[in-house]
Amino acid sequence: MVFGPAVPEVDPGGVPDDAYLLDVREADEWSAGHAPGAVHIPLFDLATRAGEVPRDREVYVICRSGGRSAQAVRALNDAGWRASNVTGGMHAWAVAGREMRSETGAQPVVA
């Protein structure tokens, strides 16, 4: 998915294991399956919780398929963060074989 020069992108395989990964999906999506170590701030809450996101390192932003995370990246970068959109979102993360966890105790899935 291409969002123009204002939205840097990185493939799931290019996200370092120790990255600050911001998941902007809704709570039910997060519970069904997310990347270990990711931080959950739904897109709707990002404006009021942006202070929780570090400014001193690259921020990788992910959602289900890349649309909401692109919006978040655009907003964060416009406000002075260094953020990149994870191309293809959690769907691409799962296809790439990256680790996932569930909050429900069930096998993690992308919801």
PDB file of N, CA and C in Angstrom:
ATOM      1  N   MET A   1       0.849  -1.165   0.000  1.00  0.00           N
ATOM      2  CA  MET A   1       0.000   0.000   0.000  1.00  0.00           C
ATOM      3  C   MET A   1       0.900   1.235   0.000  1.00  0.00           C
ATOM      4  N   VAL A   2       0.651   2.186  -0.849  1.00  0.00           N
ATOM      5  CA  VAL A   2       1.479   3.376  -0.932  1.00  0.00           C
ATOM      6  C   VAL A   2       0.685   4.574  -0.431  1.00  0.00           C
ATOM      7  N   PHE A   3       1.264   5.291   0.526  1.00  0.00           N
ATOM      8  CA  PHE A   3       0.587   6.431   1.112  1.00  0.00           C
ATOM      9  C   PHE A   3       1.314   7.733   0.815  1.00  0.00           C
ATOM     10  N   GLY A   4       2.274   7.719  -0.098  1.00  0.00           N
ATOM     11  CA  GLY A   4       2.985   8.924  -0.484  1.00  0.00           C
ATOM     12  C   GLY A   4       4.213   9.164   0.364  1.00  0.00           C
ATOM     13  N   PRO A   5       4.980  10.185  -0.001  1.00  0.00           N
ATOM     14  CA  PRO A   5       6.252  10.433   0.665  1.00  0.00           C
ATOM     15  C   PRO A   5       6.122  10.842   2.130  1.00  0.00           C
ATOM     16  N   ALA A   6       4.963  11.297   2.547  1.00  0.00           N
ATOM     17  CA  ALA A   6       4.788  11.728   3.938  1.00  0.00           C
ATOM     18  C   ALA A   6       4.650  10.543   4.889  1.00  0.00           C
ATOM     19  N   VAL A   7       4.501   9.327   4.359  1.00  0.00           N
ATOM     20  CA  VAL A   7       4.302   8.156   5.203  1.00  0.00           C
ATOM     21  C   VAL A   7       5.377   7.110   4.894  1.00  0.00           C
ATOM     22  N   PRO A   8       6.481   7.136   5.635  1.00  0.00           N
ATOM     23  CA  PRO A   8       7.509   6.112   5.436  1.00  0.00           C
ATOM     24  C   PRO A   8       6.953   4.739   5.783  1.00  0.00           C
ATOM     25  N   GLU A   9       7.417   3.733   5.046  1.00  0.00           N
ATOM     26  CA  GLU A   9       6.933   2.377   5.255  1.00  0.00           C
ATOM     27  C   GLU A   9       8.091   1.419   5.462  1.00  0.00           C
ATOM     28  N   VAL A  10       7.824   0.325   6.157  1.00  0.00           N
ATOM     29  CA  VAL A  10       8.789  -0.756   6.357  1.00  0.00           C
ATOM     30  C   VAL A  10       8.024  -2.079   6.305  1.00  0.00           C
ATOM     31  N   ASP A  11       8.635  -3.075   5.670  1.00  0.00           N
ATOM     32  CA  ASP A  11       8.034  -4.406   5.641  1.00  0.00           C
ATOM     33  C   ASP A  11       8.106  -5.024   7.034  1.00  0.00           C
ATOM     34  N   PRO A  12       7.194  -5.940   7.363  1.00  0.00           N
ATOM     35  CA  PRO A  12       7.237  -6.574   8.686  1.00  0.00           C
ATOM     36  C   PRO A  12       8.597  -7.185   9.024  1.00  0.00           C
ATOM     37  N   GLY A  13       9.265  -7.764   8.044  1.00  0.00           N
ATOM     38  CA  GLY A  13      10.573  -8.362   8.294  1.00  0.00           C
ATOM     39  C   GLY A  13      11.649  -7.344   8.632  1.00  0.00           C
ATOM     40  N   GLY A  14      11.401  -6.079   8.312  1.00  0.00           N
ATOM     41  CA  GLY A  14      12.358  -5.018   8.593  1.00  0.00           C
ATOM     42  C   GLY A  14      12.186  -4.358   9.946  1.00  0.00           C
ATOM     43  N   VAL A  15      11.192  -4.796  10.708  1.00  0.00           N
ATOM     44  CA  VAL A  15      10.968  -4.251  12.039  1.00  0.00           C
ATOM     45  C   VAL A  15      11.894  -4.973  13.016  1.00  0.00           C
ATOM     46  N   PRO A  16      12.829  -4.241  13.644  1.00  0.00           N
ATOM     47  CA  PRO A  16      13.754  -4.902  14.579  1.00  0.00           C
ATOM     48  C   PRO A  16      13.007  -5.537  15.755  1.00  0.00           C
ATOM     49  N   ASP A  17      13.578  -6.607  16.298  1.00  0.00           N
ATOM     50  CA  ASP A  17      12.954  -7.304  17.427  1.00  0.00           C
ATOM     51  C   ASP A  17      12.789  -6.395  18.641  1.00  0.00           C
ATOM     52  N   ASP A  18      13.686  -5.425  18.817  1.00  0.00           N
ATOM     53  CA  ASP A  18      13.626  -4.537  19.976  1.00  0.00           C
ATOM     54  C   ASP A  18      12.970  -3.191  19.656  1.00  0.00           C
ATOM     55  N   ALA A  19      12.243  -3.132  18.551  1.00  0.00           N
ATOM     56  CA  ALA A  19      11.613  -1.886  18.113  1.00  0.00           C
ATOM     57  C   ALA A  19      10.497  -1.450  19.054  1.00  0.00           C
ATOM     58  N   TYR A  20      10.217  -0.146  19.047  1.00  0.00           N
ATOM     59  CA  TYR A  20       9.007   0.357  19.686  1.00  0.00           C
ATOM     60  C   TYR A  20       7.914   0.185  18.638  1.00  0.00           C
ATOM     61  N   LEU A  21       7.055  -0.812  18.839  1.00  0.00           N
ATOM     62  CA  LEU A  21       5.984  -1.135  17.901  1.00  0.00           C
ATOM     63  C   LEU A  21       4.661  -0.688  18.514  1.00  0.00           C
ATOM     64  N   LEU A  22       4.022   0.253  17.854  1.00  0.00           N
ATOM     65  CA  LEU A  22       2.762   0.827  18.318  1.00  0.00           C
ATOM     66  C   LEU A  22       1.617   0.226  17.523  1.00  0.00           C
ATOM     67  N   ASP A  23       0.724  -0.472  18.210  1.00  0.00           N
ATOM     68  CA  ASP A  23      -0.443  -1.105  17.587  1.00  0.00           C
ATOM     69  C   ASP A  23      -1.642  -0.202  17.819  1.00  0.00           C
ATOM     70  N   VAL A  24      -2.242   0.298  16.724  1.00  0.00           N
ATOM     71  CA  VAL A  24      -3.337   1.277  16.847  1.00  0.00           C
ATOM     72  C   VAL A  24      -4.709   0.664  16.566  1.00  0.00           C
ATOM     73  N   ARG A  25      -4.807  -0.669  16.646  1.00  0.00           N
ATOM     74  CA  ARG A  25      -6.097  -1.329  16.418  1.00  0.00           C
ATOM     75  C   ARG A  25      -7.001  -1.221  17.645  1.00  0.00           C
ATOM     76  N   GLU A  26      -8.218  -1.643  17.478  1.00  0.00           N
ATOM     77  CA  GLU A  26      -9.187  -1.642  18.568  1.00  0.00           C
ATOM     78  C   GLU A  26      -8.887  -2.782  19.546  1.00  0.00           C
ATOM     79  N   ALA A  27      -9.475  -2.701  20.728  1.00  0.00           N
ATOM     80  CA  ALA A  27      -9.184  -3.649  21.809  1.00  0.00           C
ATOM     81  C   ALA A  27      -9.469  -5.096  21.424  1.00  0.00           C
ATOM     82  N   ASP A  28     -10.563  -5.364  20.711  1.00  0.00           N
ATOM     83  CA  ASP A  28     -10.879  -6.747  20.337  1.00  0.00           C
ATOM     84  C   ASP A  28      -9.866  -7.296  19.338  1.00  0.00           C
ATOM     85  N   GLU A  29      -9.378  -6.458  18.444  1.00  0.00           N
ATOM     86  CA  GLU A  29      -8.359  -6.882  17.486  1.00  0.00           C
ATOM     87  C   GLU A  29      -7.046  -7.202  18.212  1.00  0.00           C
ATOM     88  N   TRP A  30      -6.676  -6.323  19.139  1.00  0.00           N
ATOM     89  CA  TRP A  30      -5.461  -6.522  19.944  1.00  0.00           C
ATOM     90  C   TRP A  30      -5.544  -7.832  20.724  1.00  0.00           C
ATOM     91  N   SER A  31      -6.671  -8.067  21.380  1.00  0.00           N
ATOM     92  CA  SER A  31      -6.837  -9.270  22.199  1.00  0.00           C
ATOM     93  C   SER A  31      -6.719 -10.547  21.381  1.00  0.00           C
ATOM     94  N   ALA A  32      -7.206 -10.512  20.154  1.00  0.00           N
ATOM     95  CA  ALA A  32      -7.182 -11.708  19.308  1.00  0.00           C
ATOM     96  C   ALA A  32      -5.773 -12.092  18.895  1.00  0.00           C
ATOM     97  N   GLY A  33      -4.911 -11.112  18.682  1.00  0.00           N
ATOM     98  CA  GLY A  33      -3.544 -11.412  18.295  1.00  0.00           C
ATOM     99  C   GLY A  33      -2.741 -10.159  18.052  1.00  0.00           C
ATOM    100  N   HIS A  34      -1.561 -10.092  18.644  1.00  0.00           N
ATOM    101  CA  HIS A  34      -0.681  -8.929  18.492  1.00  0.00           C
ATOM    102  C   HIS A  34       0.768  -9.363  18.587  1.00  0.00           C
ATOM    103  N   ALA A  35       1.648  -8.485  18.199  1.00  0.00           N
ATOM    104  CA  ALA A  35       3.082  -8.769  18.282  1.00  0.00           C
ATOM    105  C   ALA A  35       3.528  -8.672  19.733  1.00  0.00           C
ATOM    106  N   PRO A  36       4.385  -9.592  20.177  1.00  0.00           N
ATOM    107  CA  PRO A  36       4.903  -9.495  21.544  1.00  0.00           C
ATOM    108  C   PRO A  36       5.704  -8.207  21.693  1.00  0.00           C
ATOM    109  N   GLY A  37       5.543  -7.562  22.817  1.00  0.00           N
ATOM    110  CA  GLY A  37       6.281  -6.329  23.074  1.00  0.00           C
ATOM    111  C   GLY A  37       5.652  -5.092  22.471  1.00  0.00           C
ATOM    112  N   ALA A  38       4.611  -5.253  21.667  1.00  0.00           N
ATOM    113  CA  ALA A  38       3.941  -4.090  21.084  1.00  0.00           C
ATOM    114  C   ALA A  38       3.229  -3.308  22.177  1.00  0.00           C
ATOM    115  N   VAL A  39       3.037  -2.033  21.916  1.00  0.00           N
ATOM    116  CA  VAL A  39       2.295  -1.151  22.818  1.00  0.00           C
ATOM    117  C   VAL A  39       0.953  -0.865  22.164  1.00  0.00           C
ATOM    118  N   HIS A  40      -0.119  -0.993  22.924  1.00  0.00           N
ATOM    119  CA  HIS A  40      -1.464  -0.813  22.368  1.00  0.00           C
ATOM    120  C   HIS A  40      -2.030   0.551  22.731  1.00  0.00           C
ATOM    121  N   ILE A  41      -2.200   1.390  21.718  1.00  0.00           N
ATOM    122  CA  ILE A  41      -2.925   2.654  21.861  1.00  0.00           C
ATOM    123  C   ILE A  41      -3.840   2.750  20.640  1.00  0.00           C
ATOM    124  N   PRO A  42      -5.144   2.513  20.810  1.00  0.00           N
ATOM    125  CA  PRO A  42      -6.045   2.599  19.658  1.00  0.00           C
ATOM    126  C   PRO A  42      -5.947   3.968  18.977  1.00  0.00           C
ATOM    127  N   LEU A  43      -6.113   3.985  17.662  1.00  0.00           N
ATOM    128  CA  LEU A  43      -6.005   5.225  16.888  1.00  0.00           C
ATOM    129  C   LEU A  43      -6.879   6.327  17.473  1.00  0.00           C
ATOM    130  N   PHE A  44      -8.082   5.978  17.894  1.00  0.00           N
ATOM    131  CA  PHE A  44      -9.010   6.964  18.450  1.00  0.00           C
ATOM    132  C   PHE A  44      -8.430   7.647  19.690  1.00  0.00           C
ATOM    133  N   ASP A  45      -7.576   6.948  20.437  1.00  0.00           N
ATOM    134  CA  ASP A  45      -7.000   7.485  21.672  1.00  0.00           C
ATOM    135  C   ASP A  45      -5.628   8.129  21.489  1.00  0.00           C
ATOM    136  N   LEU A  46      -5.065   8.028  20.307  1.00  0.00           N
ATOM    137  CA  LEU A  46      -3.687   8.461  20.111  1.00  0.00           C
ATOM    138  C   LEU A  46      -3.480   9.946  20.401  1.00  0.00           C
ATOM    139  N   ALA A  47      -4.405  10.777  20.024  1.00  0.00           N
ATOM    140  CA  ALA A  47      -4.242  12.225  20.263  1.00  0.00           C
ATOM    141  C   ALA A  47      -4.090  12.539  21.747  1.00  0.00           C
ATOM    142  N   THR A  48      -4.837  11.857  22.599  1.00  0.00           N
ATOM    143  CA  THR A  48      -4.761  12.141  24.034  1.00  0.00           C
ATOM    144  C   THR A  48      -3.658  11.363  24.735  1.00  0.00           C
ATOM    145  N   ARG A  49      -3.136  10.308  24.090  1.00  0.00           N
ATOM    146  CA  ARG A  49      -2.103   9.483  24.722  1.00  0.00           C
ATOM    147  C   ARG A  49      -0.748   9.570  24.020  1.00  0.00           C
ATOM    148  N   ALA A  50      -0.600  10.508  23.098  1.00  0.00           N
ATOM    149  CA  ALA A  50       0.645  10.621  22.328  1.00  0.00           C
ATOM    150  C   ALA A  50       1.864  10.822  23.222  1.00  0.00           C
ATOM    151  N   GLY A  51       1.692  11.432  24.365  1.00  0.00           N
ATOM    152  CA  GLY A  51       2.799  11.635  25.288  1.00  0.00           C
ATOM    153  C   GLY A  51       3.422  10.343  25.787  1.00  0.00           C
ATOM    154  N   GLU A  52       2.727   9.220  25.646  1.00  0.00           N
ATOM    155  CA  GLU A  52       3.250   7.917  26.047  1.00  0.00           C
ATOM    156  C   GLU A  52       4.218   7.345  25.003  1.00  0.00           C
ATOM    157  N   VAL A  53       4.215   7.910  23.806  1.00  0.00           N
ATOM    158  CA  VAL A  53       5.042   7.407  22.710  1.00  0.00           C
ATOM    159  C   VAL A  53       6.400   8.109  22.756  1.00  0.00           C
ATOM    160  N   PRO A  54       7.491   7.341  22.777  1.00  0.00           N
ATOM    161  CA  PRO A  54       8.809   7.973  22.889  1.00  0.00           C
ATOM    162  C   PRO A  54       9.160   8.801  21.660  1.00  0.00           C
ATOM    163  N   ARG A  55       9.840   9.911  21.906  1.00  0.00           N
ATOM    164  CA  ARG A  55      10.288  10.771  20.816  1.00  0.00           C
ATOM    165  C   ARG A  55      11.751  10.533  20.478  1.00  0.00           C
ATOM    166  N   ASP A  56      12.456   9.758  21.294  1.00  0.00           N
ATOM    167  CA  ASP A  56      13.899   9.601  21.133  1.00  0.00           C
ATOM    168  C   ASP A  56      14.286   8.364  20.331  1.00  0.00           C
ATOM    169  N   ARG A  57      13.335   7.726  19.680  1.00  0.00           N
ATOM    170  CA  ARG A  57      13.632   6.546  18.866  1.00  0.00           C
ATOM    171  C   ARG A  57      12.586   6.388  17.777  1.00  0.00           C
ATOM    172  N   GLU A  58      12.916   5.569  16.800  1.00  0.00           N
ATOM    173  CA  GLU A  58      11.981   5.281  15.711  1.00  0.00           C
ATOM    174  C   GLU A  58      10.760   4.554  16.274  1.00  0.00           C
ATOM    175  N   VAL A  59       9.596   4.926  15.778  1.00  0.00           N
ATOM    176  CA  VAL A  59       8.340   4.291  16.168  1.00  0.00           C
ATOM    177  C   VAL A  59       7.794   3.568  14.939  1.00  0.00           C
ATOM    178  N   TYR A  60       7.502   2.293  15.087  1.00  0.00           N
ATOM    179  CA  TYR A  60       6.903   1.499  14.024  1.00  0.00           C
ATOM    180  C   TYR A  60       5.426   1.338  14.383  1.00  0.00           C
ATOM    181  N   VAL A  61       4.539   1.670  13.433  1.00  0.00           N
ATOM    182  CA  VAL A  61       3.110   1.676  13.723  1.00  0.00           C
ATOM    183  C   VAL A  61       2.425   0.617  12.869  1.00  0.00           C
ATOM    184  N   ILE A  62       1.540  -0.151  13.527  1.00  0.00           N
ATOM    185  CA  ILE A  62       0.867  -1.262  12.858  1.00  0.00           C
ATOM    186  C   ILE A  62      -0.621  -1.256  13.177  1.00  0.00           C
ATOM    187  N   CYS A  63      -1.428  -1.711  12.209  1.00  0.00           N
ATOM    188  CA  CYS A  63      -2.861  -1.939  12.422  1.00  0.00           C
ATOM    189  C   CYS A  63      -3.195  -3.262  11.730  1.00  0.00           C
ATOM    190  N   ARG A  64      -4.401  -3.464  11.289  1.00  0.00           N
ATOM    191  CA  ARG A  64      -4.759  -4.731  10.650  1.00  0.00           C
ATOM    192  C   ARG A  64      -4.167  -4.827   9.243  1.00  0.00           C
ATOM    193  N   SER A  65      -4.310  -3.761   8.428  1.00  0.00           N
ATOM    194  CA  SER A  65      -3.845  -3.860   7.039  1.00  0.00           C
ATOM    195  C   SER A  65      -2.988  -2.681   6.579  1.00  0.00           C
ATOM    196  N   GLY A  66      -2.864  -1.634   7.374  1.00  0.00           N
ATOM    197  CA  GLY A  66      -1.990  -0.522   7.025  1.00  0.00           C
ATOM    198  C   GLY A  66      -2.647   0.840   6.904  1.00  0.00           C
ATOM    199  N   GLY A  67      -3.959   0.904   6.854  1.00  0.00           N
ATOM    200  CA  GLY A  67      -4.648   2.181   6.686  1.00  0.00           C
ATOM    201  C   GLY A  67      -4.650   3.052   7.928  1.00  0.00           C
ATOM    202  N   ARG A  68      -5.102   2.501   9.043  1.00  0.00           N
ATOM    203  CA  ARG A  68      -5.127   3.291  10.289  1.00  0.00           C
ATOM    204  C   ARG A  68      -3.717   3.639  10.743  1.00  0.00           C
ATOM    205  N   SER A  69      -2.791   2.696  10.578  1.00  0.00           N
ATOM    206  CA  SER A  69      -1.418   2.976  10.992  1.00  0.00           C
ATOM    207  C   SER A  69      -0.809   4.078  10.128  1.00  0.00           C
ATOM    208  N   ALA A  70      -1.166   4.148   8.851  1.00  0.00           N
ATOM    209  CA  ALA A  70      -0.675   5.237   7.992  1.00  0.00           C
ATOM    210  C   ALA A  70      -1.178   6.584   8.508  1.00  0.00           C
ATOM    211  N   GLN A  71      -2.426   6.638   8.942  1.00  0.00           N
ATOM    212  CA  GLN A  71      -2.968   7.881   9.520  1.00  0.00           C
ATOM    213  C   GLN A  71      -2.181   8.268  10.764  1.00  0.00           C
ATOM    214  N   ALA A  72      -1.890   7.275  11.608  1.00  0.00           N
ATOM    215  CA  ALA A  72      -1.147   7.539  12.839  1.00  0.00           C
ATOM    216  C   ALA A  72       0.272   8.006  12.529  1.00  0.00           C
ATOM    217  N   VAL A  73       0.932   7.375  11.559  1.00  0.00           N
ATOM    218  CA  VAL A  73       2.288   7.773  11.172  1.00  0.00           C
ATOM    219  C   VAL A  73       2.294   9.215  10.670  1.00  0.00           C
ATOM    220  N   ARG A  74       1.354   9.544   9.830  1.00  0.00           N
ATOM    221  CA  ARG A  74       1.268  10.907   9.299  1.00  0.00           C
ATOM    222  C   ARG A  74       1.126  11.907  10.447  1.00  0.00           C
ATOM    223  N   ALA A  75       0.240  11.634  11.381  1.00  0.00           N
ATOM    224  CA  ALA A  75       0.014  12.542  12.511  1.00  0.00           C
ATOM    225  C   ALA A  75       1.248  12.632  13.408  1.00  0.00           C
ATOM    226  N   LEU A  76       1.844  11.488  13.716  1.00  0.00           N
ATOM    227  CA  LEU A  76       3.038  11.495  14.573  1.00  0.00           C
ATOM    228  C   LEU A  76       4.190  12.251  13.915  1.00  0.00           C
ATOM    229  N   ASN A  77       4.446  11.969  12.646  1.00  0.00           N
ATOM    230  CA  ASN A  77       5.551  12.644  11.960  1.00  0.00           C
ATOM    231  C   ASN A  77       5.302  14.146  11.838  1.00  0.00           C
ATOM    232  N   ASP A  78       4.058  14.532  11.592  1.00  0.00           N
ATOM    233  CA  ASP A  78       3.725  15.960  11.522  1.00  0.00           C
ATOM    234  C   ASP A  78       3.963  16.653  12.854  1.00  0.00           C
ATOM    235  N   ALA A  79       3.887  15.884  13.958  1.00  0.00           N
ATOM    236  CA  ALA A  79       4.074  16.450  15.299  1.00  0.00           C
ATOM    237  C   ALA A  79       5.502  16.258  15.822  1.00  0.00           C
ATOM    238  N   GLY A  80       6.408  15.757  14.981  1.00  0.00           N
ATOM    239  CA  GLY A  80       7.802  15.698  15.378  1.00  0.00           C
ATOM    240  C   GLY A  80       8.372  14.341  15.730  1.00  0.00           C
ATOM    241  N   TRP A  81       7.573  13.282  15.686  1.00  0.00           N
ATOM    242  CA  TRP A  81       8.090  11.939  15.926  1.00  0.00           C
ATOM    243  C   TRP A  81       8.782  11.429  14.658  1.00  0.00           C
ATOM    244  N   ARG A  82       9.503  10.326  14.782  1.00  0.00           N
ATOM    245  CA  ARG A  82      10.063   9.582  13.648  1.00  0.00           C
ATOM    246  C   ARG A  82       9.322   8.257  13.607  1.00  0.00           C
ATOM    247  N   ALA A  83       8.353   8.145  12.713  1.00  0.00           N
ATOM    248  CA  ALA A  83       7.503   6.958  12.665  1.00  0.00           C
ATOM    249  C   ALA A  83       7.445   6.386  11.255  1.00  0.00           C
ATOM    250  N   SER A  84       7.265   5.068  11.192  1.00  0.00           N
ATOM    251  CA  SER A  84       7.106   4.357   9.926  1.00  0.00           C
ATOM    252  C   SER A  84       5.926   3.411  10.019  1.00  0.00           C
ATOM    253  N   ASN A  85       5.215   3.285   8.912  1.00  0.00           N
ATOM    254  CA  ASN A  85       4.073   2.389   8.809  1.00  0.00           C
ATOM    255  C   ASN A  85       4.556   0.981   8.473  1.00  0.00           C
ATOM    256  N   VAL A  86       4.054  -0.026   9.188  1.00  0.00           N
ATOM    257  CA  VAL A  86       4.381  -1.412   8.877  1.00  0.00           C
ATOM    258  C   VAL A  86       3.468  -1.841   7.724  1.00  0.00           C
ATOM    259  N   THR A  87       4.080  -2.027   6.558  1.00  0.00           N
ATOM    260  CA  THR A  87       3.362  -2.345   5.327  1.00  0.00           C
ATOM    261  C   THR A  87       2.530  -3.614   5.478  1.00  0.00           C
ATOM    262  N   GLY A  88       1.258  -3.506   5.148  1.00  0.00           N
ATOM    263  CA  GLY A  88       0.374  -4.676   5.191  1.00  0.00           C
ATOM    264  C   GLY A  88      -0.162  -5.018   6.560  1.00  0.00           C
ATOM    265  N   GLY A  89       0.273  -4.293   7.591  1.00  0.00           N
ATOM    266  CA  GLY A  89      -0.247  -4.470   8.933  1.00  0.00           C
ATOM    267  C   GLY A  89      -0.056  -5.866   9.506  1.00  0.00           C
ATOM    268  N   MET A  90      -0.928  -6.218  10.429  1.00  0.00           N
ATOM    269  CA  MET A  90      -0.840  -7.518  11.108  1.00  0.00           C
ATOM    270  C   MET A  90      -1.090  -8.675  10.144  1.00  0.00           C
ATOM    271  N   HIS A  91      -1.847  -8.429   9.074  1.00  0.00           N
ATOM    272  CA  HIS A  91      -2.001  -9.494   8.078  1.00  0.00           C
ATOM    273  C   HIS A  91      -0.643  -9.875   7.511  1.00  0.00           C
ATOM    274  N   ALA A  92       0.141  -8.885   7.100  1.00  0.00           N
ATOM    275  CA  ALA A  92       1.476  -9.145   6.547  1.00  0.00           C
ATOM    276  C   ALA A  92       2.417  -9.676   7.620  1.00  0.00           C
ATOM    277  N   TRP A  93       2.257  -9.201   8.862  1.00  0.00           N
ATOM    278  CA  TRP A  93       3.078  -9.677   9.987  1.00  0.00           C
ATOM    279  C   TRP A  93       2.904 -11.193  10.143  1.00  0.00           C
ATOM    280  N   ALA A  94       1.648 -11.640  10.123  1.00  0.00           N
ATOM    281  CA  ALA A  94       1.352 -13.069  10.277  1.00  0.00           C
ATOM    282  C   ALA A  94       1.888 -13.869   9.089  1.00  0.00           C
ATOM    283  N   VAL A  95       1.687 -13.377   7.873  1.00  0.00           N
ATOM    284  CA  VAL A  95       2.166 -14.068   6.675  1.00  0.00           C
ATOM    285  C   VAL A  95       3.689 -14.181   6.698  1.00  0.00           C
ATOM    286  N   ALA A  96       4.359 -13.163   7.248  1.00  0.00           N
ATOM    287  CA  ALA A  96       5.829 -13.173   7.333  1.00  0.00           C
ATOM    288  C   ALA A  96       6.328 -14.147   8.404  1.00  0.00           C
ATOM    289  N   GLY A  97       5.401 -14.718   9.160  1.00  0.00           N
ATOM    290  CA  GLY A  97       5.781 -15.676  10.194  1.00  0.00           C
ATOM    291  C   GLY A  97       6.325 -15.035  11.463  1.00  0.00           C
ATOM    292  N   ARG A  98       6.042 -13.735  11.641  1.00  0.00           N
ATOM    293  CA  ARG A  98       6.500 -13.062  12.856  1.00  0.00           C
ATOM    294  C   ARG A  98       5.664 -13.538  14.045  1.00  0.00           C
ATOM    295  N   GLU A  99       6.261 -13.550  15.204  1.00  0.00           N
ATOM    296  CA  GLU A  99       5.598 -14.059  16.409  1.00  0.00           C
ATOM    297  C   GLU A  99       4.367 -13.221  16.752  1.00  0.00           C
ATOM    298  N   MET A 100       3.352 -13.912  17.269  1.00  0.00           N
ATOM    299  CA  MET A 100       2.126 -13.253  17.729  1.00  0.00           C
ATOM    300  C   MET A 100       1.697 -13.862  19.053  1.00  0.00           C
ATOM    301  N   ARG A 101       0.987 -13.062  19.830  1.00  0.00           N
ATOM    302  CA  ARG A 101       0.415 -13.517  21.105  1.00  0.00           C
ATOM    303  C   ARG A 101      -1.051 -13.125  21.156  1.00  0.00           C
ATOM    304  N   SER A 102      -1.775 -13.825  21.973  1.00  0.00           N
ATOM    305  CA  SER A 102      -3.199 -13.560  22.175  1.00  0.00           C
ATOM    306  C   SER A 102      -3.444 -13.217  23.636  1.00  0.00           C
ATOM    307  N   GLU A 103      -4.406 -12.393  23.895  1.00  0.00           N
ATOM    308  CA  GLU A 103      -4.810 -12.068  25.263  1.00  0.00           C
ATOM    309  C   GLU A 103      -5.948 -12.970  25.731  1.00  0.00           C
ATOM    310  N   THR A 104      -6.452 -13.826  24.830  1.00  0.00           N
ATOM    311  CA  THR A 104      -7.608 -14.638  25.160  1.00  0.00           C
ATOM    312  C   THR A 104      -7.246 -16.057  25.581  1.00  0.00           C
ATOM    313  N   GLY A 105      -5.986 -16.456  25.421  1.00  0.00           N
ATOM    314  CA  GLY A 105      -5.588 -17.811  25.706  1.00  0.00           C
ATOM    315  C   GLY A 105      -5.729 -18.728  24.506  1.00  0.00           C
ATOM    316  N   ALA A 106      -6.397 -18.244  23.461  1.00  0.00           N
ATOM    317  CA  ALA A 106      -6.545 -19.013  22.231  1.00  0.00           C
ATOM    318  C   ALA A 106      -5.348 -18.758  21.314  1.00  0.00           C
ATOM    319  N   GLN A 107      -5.279 -19.548  20.260  1.00  0.00           N
ATOM    320  CA  GLN A 107      -4.259 -19.331  19.244  1.00  0.00           C
ATOM    321  C   GLN A 107      -4.412 -17.904  18.693  1.00  0.00           C
ATOM    322  N   PRO A 108      -3.330 -17.122  18.575  1.00  0.00           N
ATOM    323  CA  PRO A 108      -3.472 -15.757  18.087  1.00  0.00           C
ATOM    324  C   PRO A 108      -3.902 -15.724  16.608  1.00  0.00           C
ATOM    325  N   VAL A 109      -4.773 -14.787  16.308  1.00  0.00           N
ATOM    326  CA  VAL A 109      -5.257 -14.566  14.943  1.00  0.00           C
ATOM    327  C   VAL A 109      -5.317 -13.067  14.692  1.00  0.00           C
ATOM    328  N   VAL A 110      -5.333 -12.720  13.417  1.00  0.00           N
ATOM    329  CA  VAL A 110      -5.524 -11.317  13.039  1.00  0.00           C
ATOM    330  C   VAL A 110      -7.024 -11.114  12.840  1.00  0.00           C
ATOM    331  N   ALA A 111      -7.595 -10.292  13.717  1.00  0.00           N
ATOM    332  CA  ALA A 111      -9.051 -10.052  13.651  1.00  0.00           C
ATOM    333  C   ALA A 111      -9.330  -8.691  13.067  1.00  0.00           C
TER     334      ALA A 111
END
